[in-house]
């Protein structure tokens, strides 16, 4: 039986970066093509169903999404007015 080794921090960072790049690309596919294309792309890259559903359907959790930016601007305007 092979001993389990933990990944070094630099390896984990690379994995996180590549995962985020795949997710960003899938979000791009949703606008360029359709949701099914994006879902297939994420499944090919081995993402769990939970993660795929979060990426495809939970817009508030996406980075750089429009509604979050609008909310931030509204909060800034409210703060400036106060």
PDB file of N, CA and C in Angstrom:
ATOM      1  N   UNK A   1       0.840  -1.173   0.000  1.00  0.00           N
ATOM      2  CA  UNK A   1       0.000   0.000   0.000  1.00  0.00           C
ATOM      3  C   UNK A   1       0.888   1.240   0.000  1.00  0.00           C
ATOM      4  N   UNK A   2       0.515   2.206  -0.792  1.00  0.00           N
ATOM      5  CA  UNK A   2       1.297   3.420  -0.939  1.00  0.00           C
ATOM      6  C   UNK A   2       0.931   4.430   0.145  1.00  0.00           C
ATOM      7  N   UNK A   3       1.928   5.082   0.699  1.00  0.00           N
ATOM      8  CA  UNK A   3       1.676   6.101   1.716  1.00  0.00           C
ATOM      9  C   UNK A   3       1.111   7.351   1.055  1.00  0.00           C
ATOM     10  N   UNK A   4       0.220   7.974   1.755  1.00  0.00           N
ATOM     11  CA  UNK A   4      -0.394   9.194   1.244  1.00  0.00           C
ATOM     12  C   UNK A   4       0.508  10.387   1.556  1.00  0.00           C
ATOM     13  N   UNK A   5       0.767  11.197   0.579  1.00  0.00           N
ATOM     14  CA  UNK A   5       1.577  12.388   0.809  1.00  0.00           C
ATOM     15  C   UNK A   5       0.723  13.616   0.554  1.00  0.00           C
ATOM     16  N   UNK A   6       0.951  14.625   1.365  1.00  0.00           N
ATOM     17  CA  UNK A   6       0.178  15.852   1.154  1.00  0.00           C
ATOM     18  C   UNK A   6       0.889  16.726   0.136  1.00  0.00           C
ATOM     19  N   UNK A   7       0.112  17.468  -0.590  1.00  0.00           N
ATOM     20  CA  UNK A   7       0.675  18.349  -1.614  1.00  0.00           C
ATOM     21  C   UNK A   7       1.321  19.555  -0.945  1.00  0.00           C
ATOM     22  N   UNK A   8       2.386  20.023  -1.528  1.00  0.00           N
ATOM     23  CA  UNK A   8       3.048  21.212  -0.998  1.00  0.00           C
ATOM     24  C   UNK A   8       2.173  22.429  -1.275  1.00  0.00           C
ATOM     25  N   UNK A   9       2.374  23.522  -0.522  1.00  0.00           N
ATOM     26  CA  UNK A   9       1.550  24.712  -0.756  1.00  0.00           C
ATOM     27  C   UNK A   9       1.603  25.211  -2.198  1.00  0.00           C
ATOM     28  N   UNK A  10       2.773  25.145  -2.826  1.00  0.00           N
ATOM     29  CA  UNK A  10       2.857  25.629  -4.208  1.00  0.00           C
ATOM     30  C   UNK A  10       2.047  24.744  -5.154  1.00  0.00           C
ATOM     31  N   UNK A  11       2.006  23.435  -4.885  1.00  0.00           N
ATOM     32  CA  UNK A  11       1.196  22.539  -5.717  1.00  0.00           C
ATOM     33  C   UNK A  11      -0.287  22.843  -5.544  1.00  0.00           C
ATOM     34  N   UNK A  12      -0.702  23.094  -4.282  1.00  0.00           N
ATOM     35  CA  UNK A  12      -2.112  23.422  -4.035  1.00  0.00           C
ATOM     36  C   UNK A  12      -2.490  24.722  -4.724  1.00  0.00           C
ATOM     37  N   UNK A  13      -1.592  25.714  -4.680  1.00  0.00           N
ATOM     38  CA  UNK A  13      -1.878  26.986  -5.345  1.00  0.00           C
ATOM     39  C   UNK A  13      -2.040  26.792  -6.843  1.00  0.00           C
ATOM     40  N   UNK A  14      -1.180  25.963  -7.437  1.00  0.00           N
ATOM     41  CA  UNK A  14      -1.298  25.691  -8.873  1.00  0.00           C
ATOM     42  C   UNK A  14      -2.628  25.031  -9.178  1.00  0.00           C
ATOM     43  N   UNK A  15      -3.024  24.071  -8.335  1.00  0.00           N
ATOM     44  CA  UNK A  15      -4.290  23.386  -8.563  1.00  0.00           C
ATOM     45  C   UNK A  15      -5.453  24.361  -8.441  1.00  0.00           C
ATOM     46  N   UNK A  16      -5.401  25.240  -7.429  1.00  0.00           N
ATOM     47  CA  UNK A  16      -6.469  26.220  -7.248  1.00  0.00           C
ATOM     48  C   UNK A  16      -6.533  27.172  -8.431  1.00  0.00           C
ATOM     49  N   UNK A  17      -5.379  27.595  -8.913  1.00  0.00           N
ATOM     50  CA  UNK A  17      -5.341  28.513 -10.045  1.00  0.00           C
ATOM     51  C   UNK A  17      -5.907  27.854 -11.287  1.00  0.00           C
ATOM     52  N   UNK A  18      -5.501  26.618 -11.539  1.00  0.00           N
ATOM     53  CA  UNK A  18      -6.012  25.948 -12.736  1.00  0.00           C
ATOM     54  C   UNK A  18      -7.508  25.686 -12.601  1.00  0.00           C
ATOM     55  N   UNK A  19      -7.970  25.364 -11.390  1.00  0.00           N
ATOM     56  CA  UNK A  19      -9.401  25.151 -11.179  1.00  0.00           C
ATOM     57  C   UNK A  19     -10.169  26.444 -11.418  1.00  0.00           C
ATOM     58  N   UNK A  20      -9.642  27.550 -10.920  1.00  0.00           N
ATOM     59  CA  UNK A  20     -10.348  28.817 -11.122  1.00  0.00           C
ATOM     60  C   UNK A  20     -10.357  29.216 -12.590  1.00  0.00           C
ATOM     61  N   UNK A  21      -9.291  28.887 -13.309  1.00  0.00           N
ATOM     62  CA  UNK A  21      -9.260  29.186 -14.741  1.00  0.00           C
ATOM     63  C   UNK A  21     -10.307  28.372 -15.492  1.00  0.00           C
ATOM     64  N   UNK A  22     -10.460  27.109 -15.118  1.00  0.00           N
ATOM     65  CA  UNK A  22     -11.471  26.257 -15.757  1.00  0.00           C
ATOM     66  C   UNK A  22     -12.865  26.804 -15.459  1.00  0.00           C
ATOM     67  N   UNK A  23     -13.092  27.217 -14.213  1.00  0.00           N
ATOM     68  CA  UNK A  23     -14.403  27.755 -13.837  1.00  0.00           C
ATOM     69  C   UNK A  23     -14.690  29.051 -14.583  1.00  0.00           C
ATOM     70  N   UNK A  24     -13.700  29.929 -14.662  1.00  0.00           N
ATOM     71  CA  UNK A  24     -13.888  31.183 -15.404  1.00  0.00           C
ATOM     72  C   UNK A  24     -14.209  30.904 -16.872  1.00  0.00           C
ATOM     73  N   UNK A  25     -13.534  29.918 -17.442  1.00  0.00           N
ATOM     74  CA  UNK A  25     -13.787  29.553 -18.847  1.00  0.00           C
ATOM     75  C   UNK A  25     -15.203  29.000 -19.004  1.00  0.00           C
ATOM     76  N   UNK A  26     -15.642  28.193 -18.037  1.00  0.00           N
ATOM     77  CA  UNK A  26     -16.995  27.634 -18.096  1.00  0.00           C
ATOM     78  C   UNK A  26     -18.040  28.744 -18.021  1.00  0.00           C
ATOM     79  N   UNK A  27     -17.798  29.746 -17.182  1.00  0.00           N
ATOM     80  CA  UNK A  27     -18.719  30.880 -17.099  1.00  0.00           C
ATOM     81  C   UNK A  27     -18.753  31.610 -18.437  1.00  0.00           C
ATOM     82  N   UNK A  28     -17.604  31.721 -19.072  1.00  0.00           N
ATOM     83  CA  UNK A  28     -17.555  32.317 -20.409  1.00  0.00           C
ATOM     84  C   UNK A  28     -18.349  31.503 -21.414  1.00  0.00           C
ATOM     85  N   UNK A  29     -18.266  30.176 -21.310  1.00  0.00           N
ATOM     86  CA  UNK A  29     -19.030  29.316 -22.215  1.00  0.00           C
ATOM     87  C   UNK A  29     -20.530  29.533 -22.037  1.00  0.00           C
ATOM     88  N   UNK A  30     -20.962  29.841 -20.810  1.00  0.00           N
ATOM     89  CA  UNK A  30     -22.391  30.063 -20.585  1.00  0.00           C
ATOM     90  C   UNK A  30     -22.887  31.254 -21.391  1.00  0.00           C
ATOM     91  N   UNK A  31     -22.052  32.271 -21.554  1.00  0.00           N
ATOM     92  CA  UNK A  31     -22.482  33.437 -22.328  1.00  0.00           C
ATOM     93  C   UNK A  31     -22.268  33.229 -23.819  1.00  0.00           C
ATOM     94  N   UNK A  32     -21.184  32.526 -24.182  1.00  0.00           N
ATOM     95  CA  UNK A  32     -20.875  32.307 -25.596  1.00  0.00           C
ATOM     96  C   UNK A  32     -21.752  31.231 -26.223  1.00  0.00           C
ATOM     97  N   UNK A  33     -21.993  30.180 -25.482  1.00  0.00           N
ATOM     98  CA  UNK A  33     -22.730  29.033 -26.029  1.00  0.00           C
ATOM     99  C   UNK A  33     -23.989  28.795 -25.208  1.00  0.00           C
ATOM    100  N   UNK A  34     -23.951  27.819 -24.289  1.00  0.00           N
ATOM    101  CA  UNK A  34     -25.086  27.601 -23.399  1.00  0.00           C
ATOM    102  C   UNK A  34     -24.636  26.873 -22.136  1.00  0.00           C
ATOM    103  N   UNK A  35     -25.577  26.730 -21.212  1.00  0.00           N
ATOM    104  CA  UNK A  35     -25.293  26.124 -19.912  1.00  0.00           C
ATOM    105  C   UNK A  35     -24.838  24.675 -20.047  1.00  0.00           C
ATOM    106  N   UNK A  36     -25.402  23.943 -20.984  1.00  0.00           N
ATOM    107  CA  UNK A  36     -25.063  22.531 -21.143  1.00  0.00           C
ATOM    108  C   UNK A  36     -23.616  22.355 -21.586  1.00  0.00           C
ATOM    109  N   UNK A  37     -23.152  23.245 -22.426  1.00  0.00           N
ATOM    110  CA  UNK A  37     -21.755  23.205 -22.872  1.00  0.00           C
ATOM    111  C   UNK A  37     -20.834  23.455 -21.682  1.00  0.00           C
ATOM    112  N   UNK A  38     -21.186  24.449 -20.862  1.00  0.00           N
ATOM    113  CA  UNK A  38     -20.384  24.772 -19.677  1.00  0.00           C
ATOM    114  C   UNK A  38     -20.382  23.605 -18.693  1.00  0.00           C
ATOM    115  N   UNK A  39     -21.544  22.984 -18.499  1.00  0.00           N
ATOM    116  CA  UNK A  39     -21.634  21.850 -17.577  1.00  0.00           C
ATOM    117  C   UNK A  39     -20.754  20.694 -18.050  1.00  0.00           C
ATOM    118  N   UNK A  40     -20.799  20.390 -19.319  1.00  0.00           N
ATOM    119  CA  UNK A  40     -19.973  19.313 -19.875  1.00  0.00           C
ATOM    120  C   UNK A  40     -18.496  19.624 -19.702  1.00  0.00           C
ATOM    121  N   UNK A  41     -18.119  20.866 -19.940  1.00  0.00           N
ATOM    122  CA  UNK A  41     -16.723  21.288 -19.787  1.00  0.00           C
ATOM    123  C   UNK A  41     -16.250  21.066 -18.348  1.00  0.00           C
ATOM    124  N   UNK A  42     -17.088  21.418 -17.366  1.00  0.00           N
ATOM    125  CA  UNK A  42     -16.717  21.226 -15.959  1.00  0.00           C
ATOM    126  C   UNK A  42     -16.643  19.746 -15.600  1.00  0.00           C
ATOM    127  N   UNK A  43     -17.559  18.945 -16.142  1.00  0.00           N
ATOM    128  CA  UNK A  43     -17.530  17.502 -15.859  1.00  0.00           C
ATOM    129  C   UNK A  43     -16.281  16.851 -16.449  1.00  0.00           C
ATOM    130  N   UNK A  44     -15.869  17.281 -17.627  1.00  0.00           N
ATOM    131  CA  UNK A  44     -14.650  16.748 -18.245  1.00  0.00           C
ATOM    132  C   UNK A  44     -13.452  17.001 -17.343  1.00  0.00           C
ATOM    133  N   UNK A  45     -13.462  18.154 -16.673  1.00  0.00           N
ATOM    134  CA  UNK A  45     -12.346  18.508 -15.798  1.00  0.00           C
ATOM    135  C   UNK A  45     -12.494  17.952 -14.386  1.00  0.00           C
ATOM    136  N   UNK A  46     -13.506  17.122 -14.151  1.00  0.00           N
ATOM    137  CA  UNK A  46     -13.619  16.378 -12.900  1.00  0.00           C
ATOM    138  C   UNK A  46     -14.201  17.133 -11.719  1.00  0.00           C
ATOM    139  N   UNK A  47     -14.985  18.168 -11.960  1.00  0.00           N
ATOM    140  CA  UNK A  47     -15.598  18.888 -10.848  1.00  0.00           C
ATOM    141  C   UNK A  47     -16.795  18.107 -10.325  1.00  0.00           C
ATOM    142  N   UNK A  48     -17.057  18.248  -9.028  1.00  0.00           N
ATOM    143  CA  UNK A  48     -18.195  17.560  -8.422  1.00  0.00           C
ATOM    144  C   UNK A  48     -19.499  18.211  -8.882  1.00  0.00           C
ATOM    145  N   UNK A  49     -20.582  17.457  -8.781  1.00  0.00           N
ATOM    146  CA  UNK A  49     -21.891  17.973  -9.178  1.00  0.00           C
ATOM    147  C   UNK A  49     -22.241  19.212  -8.363  1.00  0.00           C
ATOM    148  N   UNK A  50     -21.909  19.191  -7.075  1.00  0.00           N
ATOM    149  CA  UNK A  50     -22.191  20.332  -6.200  1.00  0.00           C
ATOM    150  C   UNK A  50     -21.507  21.604  -6.711  1.00  0.00           C
ATOM    151  N   UNK A  51     -20.252  21.482  -7.070  1.00  0.00           N
ATOM    152  CA  UNK A  51     -19.504  22.635  -7.581  1.00  0.00           C
ATOM    153  C   UNK A  51     -20.076  23.109  -8.907  1.00  0.00           C
ATOM    154  N   UNK A  52     -20.419  22.169  -9.768  1.00  0.00           N
ATOM    155  CA  UNK A  52     -20.978  22.522 -11.078  1.00  0.00           C
ATOM    156  C   UNK A  52     -22.282  23.293 -10.911  1.00  0.00           C
ATOM    157  N   UNK A  53     -23.163  22.825 -10.039  1.00  0.00           N
ATOM    158  CA  UNK A  53     -24.437  23.505  -9.830  1.00  0.00           C
ATOM    159  C   UNK A  53     -24.212  24.893  -9.241  1.00  0.00           C
ATOM    160  N   UNK A  54     -23.234  25.014  -8.344  1.00  0.00           N
ATOM    161  CA  UNK A  54     -22.920  26.312  -7.753  1.00  0.00           C
ATOM    162  C   UNK A  54     -22.433  27.290  -8.825  1.00  0.00           C
ATOM    163  N   UNK A  55     -21.574  26.806  -9.710  1.00  0.00           N
ATOM    164  CA  UNK A  55     -21.034  27.666 -10.778  1.00  0.00           C
ATOM    165  C   UNK A  55     -22.140  28.071 -11.746  1.00  0.00           C
ATOM    166  N   UNK A  56     -22.984  27.128 -12.119  1.00  0.00           N
ATOM    167  CA  UNK A  56     -23.983  27.399 -13.149  1.00  0.00           C
ATOM    168  C   UNK A  56     -25.180  28.201 -12.652  1.00  0.00           C
ATOM    169  N   UNK A  57     -25.585  27.989 -11.399  1.00  0.00           N
ATOM    170  CA  UNK A  57     -26.856  28.553 -10.957  1.00  0.00           C
ATOM    171  C   UNK A  57     -26.770  29.585  -9.845  1.00  0.00           C
ATOM    172  N   UNK A  58     -25.665  29.687  -9.139  1.00  0.00           N
ATOM    173  CA  UNK A  58     -25.584  30.623  -8.022  1.00  0.00           C
ATOM    174  C   UNK A  58     -24.745  31.826  -8.424  1.00  0.00           C
ATOM    175  N   UNK A  59     -25.370  32.799  -9.026  1.00  0.00           N
ATOM    176  CA  UNK A  59     -24.652  33.958  -9.557  1.00  0.00           C
ATOM    177  C   UNK A  59     -23.993  34.788  -8.472  1.00  0.00           C
ATOM    178  N   UNK A  60     -24.550  34.823  -7.281  1.00  0.00           N
ATOM    179  CA  UNK A  60     -23.984  35.633  -6.210  1.00  0.00           C
ATOM    180  C   UNK A  60     -22.604  35.146  -5.780  1.00  0.00           C
ATOM    181  N   UNK A  61     -22.306  33.866  -5.992  1.00  0.00           N
ATOM    182  CA  UNK A  61     -21.021  33.318  -5.561  1.00  0.00           C
ATOM    183  C   UNK A  61     -19.944  33.447  -6.622  1.00  0.00           C
ATOM    184  N   UNK A  62     -20.305  33.924  -7.793  1.00  0.00           N
ATOM    185  CA  UNK A  62     -19.314  34.082  -8.858  1.00  0.00           C
ATOM    186  C   UNK A  62     -18.512  35.347  -8.643  1.00  0.00           C
ATOM    187  N   UNK A  63     -17.249  35.271  -8.980  1.00  0.00           N
ATOM    188  CA  UNK A  63     -16.419  36.475  -8.940  1.00  0.00           C
ATOM    189  C   UNK A  63     -16.702  37.296 -10.186  1.00  0.00           C
ATOM    190  N   UNK A  64     -16.718  38.599 -10.025  1.00  0.00           N
ATOM    191  CA  UNK A  64     -16.850  39.477 -11.174  1.00  0.00           C
ATOM    192  C   UNK A  64     -18.227  39.502 -11.803  1.00  0.00           C
ATOM    193  N   UNK A  65     -19.231  39.045 -11.054  1.00  0.00           N
ATOM    194  CA  UNK A  65     -20.563  39.054 -11.659  1.00  0.00           C
ATOM    195  C   UNK A  65     -21.191  40.435 -11.560  1.00  0.00           C
ATOM    196  N   UNK A  66     -22.067  40.712 -12.438  1.00  0.00           N
ATOM    197  CA  UNK A  66     -22.671  42.040 -12.543  1.00  0.00           C
ATOM    198  C   UNK A  66     -23.508  42.423 -11.325  1.00  0.00           C
ATOM    199  N   UNK A  67     -24.402  41.569 -10.818  1.00  0.00           N
ATOM    200  CA  UNK A  67     -25.226  41.976  -9.677  1.00  0.00           C
ATOM    201  C   UNK A  67     -24.395  42.373  -8.457  1.00  0.00           C
ATOM    202  N   UNK A  68     -23.327  41.660  -8.171  1.00  0.00           N
ATOM    203  CA  UNK A  68     -22.497  41.989  -7.014  1.00  0.00           C
ATOM    204  C   UNK A  68     -21.838  43.351  -7.205  1.00  0.00           C
ATOM    205  N   UNK A  69     -21.398  43.651  -8.412  1.00  0.00           N
ATOM    206  CA  UNK A  69     -20.788  44.949  -8.697  1.00  0.00           C
ATOM    207  C   UNK A  69     -21.816  46.064  -8.524  1.00  0.00           C
ATOM    208  N   UNK A  70     -23.023  45.830  -8.982  1.00  0.00           N
ATOM    209  CA  UNK A  70     -24.074  46.834  -8.841  1.00  0.00           C
ATOM    210  C   UNK A  70     -24.398  47.071  -7.375  1.00  0.00           C
ATOM    211  N   UNK A  71     -24.459  45.990  -6.569  1.00  0.00           N
ATOM    212  CA  UNK A  71     -24.722  46.131  -5.145  1.00  0.00           C
ATOM    213  C   UNK A  71     -23.626  46.948  -4.480  1.00  0.00           C
ATOM    214  N   UNK A  72     -22.386  46.674  -4.850  1.00  0.00           N
ATOM    215  CA  UNK A  72     -21.255  47.400  -4.285  1.00  0.00           C
ATOM    216  C   UNK A  72     -21.353  48.888  -4.614  1.00  0.00           C
ATOM    217  N   UNK A  73     -21.701  49.202  -5.854  1.00  0.00           N
ATOM    218  CA  UNK A  73     -21.843  50.599  -6.263  1.00  0.00           C
ATOM    219  C   UNK A  73     -22.964  51.284  -5.489  1.00  0.00           C
ATOM    220  N   UNK A  74     -24.078  50.574  -5.299  1.00  0.00           N
ATOM    221  CA  UNK A  74     -25.192  51.143  -4.545  1.00  0.00           C
ATOM    222  C   UNK A  74     -24.784  51.410  -3.103  1.00  0.00           C
ATOM    223  N   UNK A  75     -24.049  50.478  -2.497  1.00  0.00           N
ATOM    224  CA  UNK A  75     -23.583  50.681  -1.127  1.00  0.00           C
ATOM    225  C   UNK A  75     -22.631  51.867  -1.046  1.00  0.00           C
ATOM    226  N   UNK A  76     -21.750  51.998  -2.025  1.00  0.00           N
ATOM    227  CA  UNK A  76     -20.831  53.137  -2.054  1.00  0.00           C
ATOM    228  C   UNK A  76     -21.596  54.452  -2.168  1.00  0.00           C
ATOM    229  N   UNK A  77     -22.627  54.467  -3.011  1.00  0.00           N
ATOM    230  CA  UNK A  77     -23.437  55.673  -3.175  1.00  0.00           C
ATOM    231  C   UNK A  77     -24.178  56.015  -1.889  1.00  0.00           C
ATOM    232  N   UNK A  78     -24.716  54.988  -1.212  1.00  0.00           N
ATOM    233  CA  UNK A  78     -25.421  55.217   0.048  1.00  0.00           C
ATOM    234  C   UNK A  78     -24.469  55.736   1.116  1.00  0.00           C
ATOM    235  N   UNK A  79     -23.273  55.188   1.152  1.00  0.00           N
ATOM    236  CA  UNK A  79     -22.274  55.615   2.127  1.00  0.00           C
ATOM    237  C   UNK A  79     -21.849  57.056   1.856  1.00  0.00           C
ATOM    238  N   UNK A  80     -21.674  57.388   0.589  1.00  0.00           N
ATOM    239  CA  UNK A  80     -21.271  58.747   0.221  1.00  0.00           C
ATOM    240  C   UNK A  80     -22.373  59.755   0.547  1.00  0.00           C
ATOM    241  N   UNK A  81     -23.629  59.353   0.393  1.00  0.00           N
ATOM    242  CA  UNK A  81     -24.751  60.247   0.653  1.00  0.00           C
ATOM    243  C   UNK A  81     -24.951  60.481   2.151  1.00  0.00           C
ATOM    244  N   UNK A  82     -24.536  59.543   2.973  1.00  0.00           N
ATOM    245  CA  UNK A  82     -24.752  59.639   4.432  1.00  0.00           C
ATOM    246  C   UNK A  82     -23.796  60.558   5.123  1.00  0.00           C
TER     247      UNK A  82
END
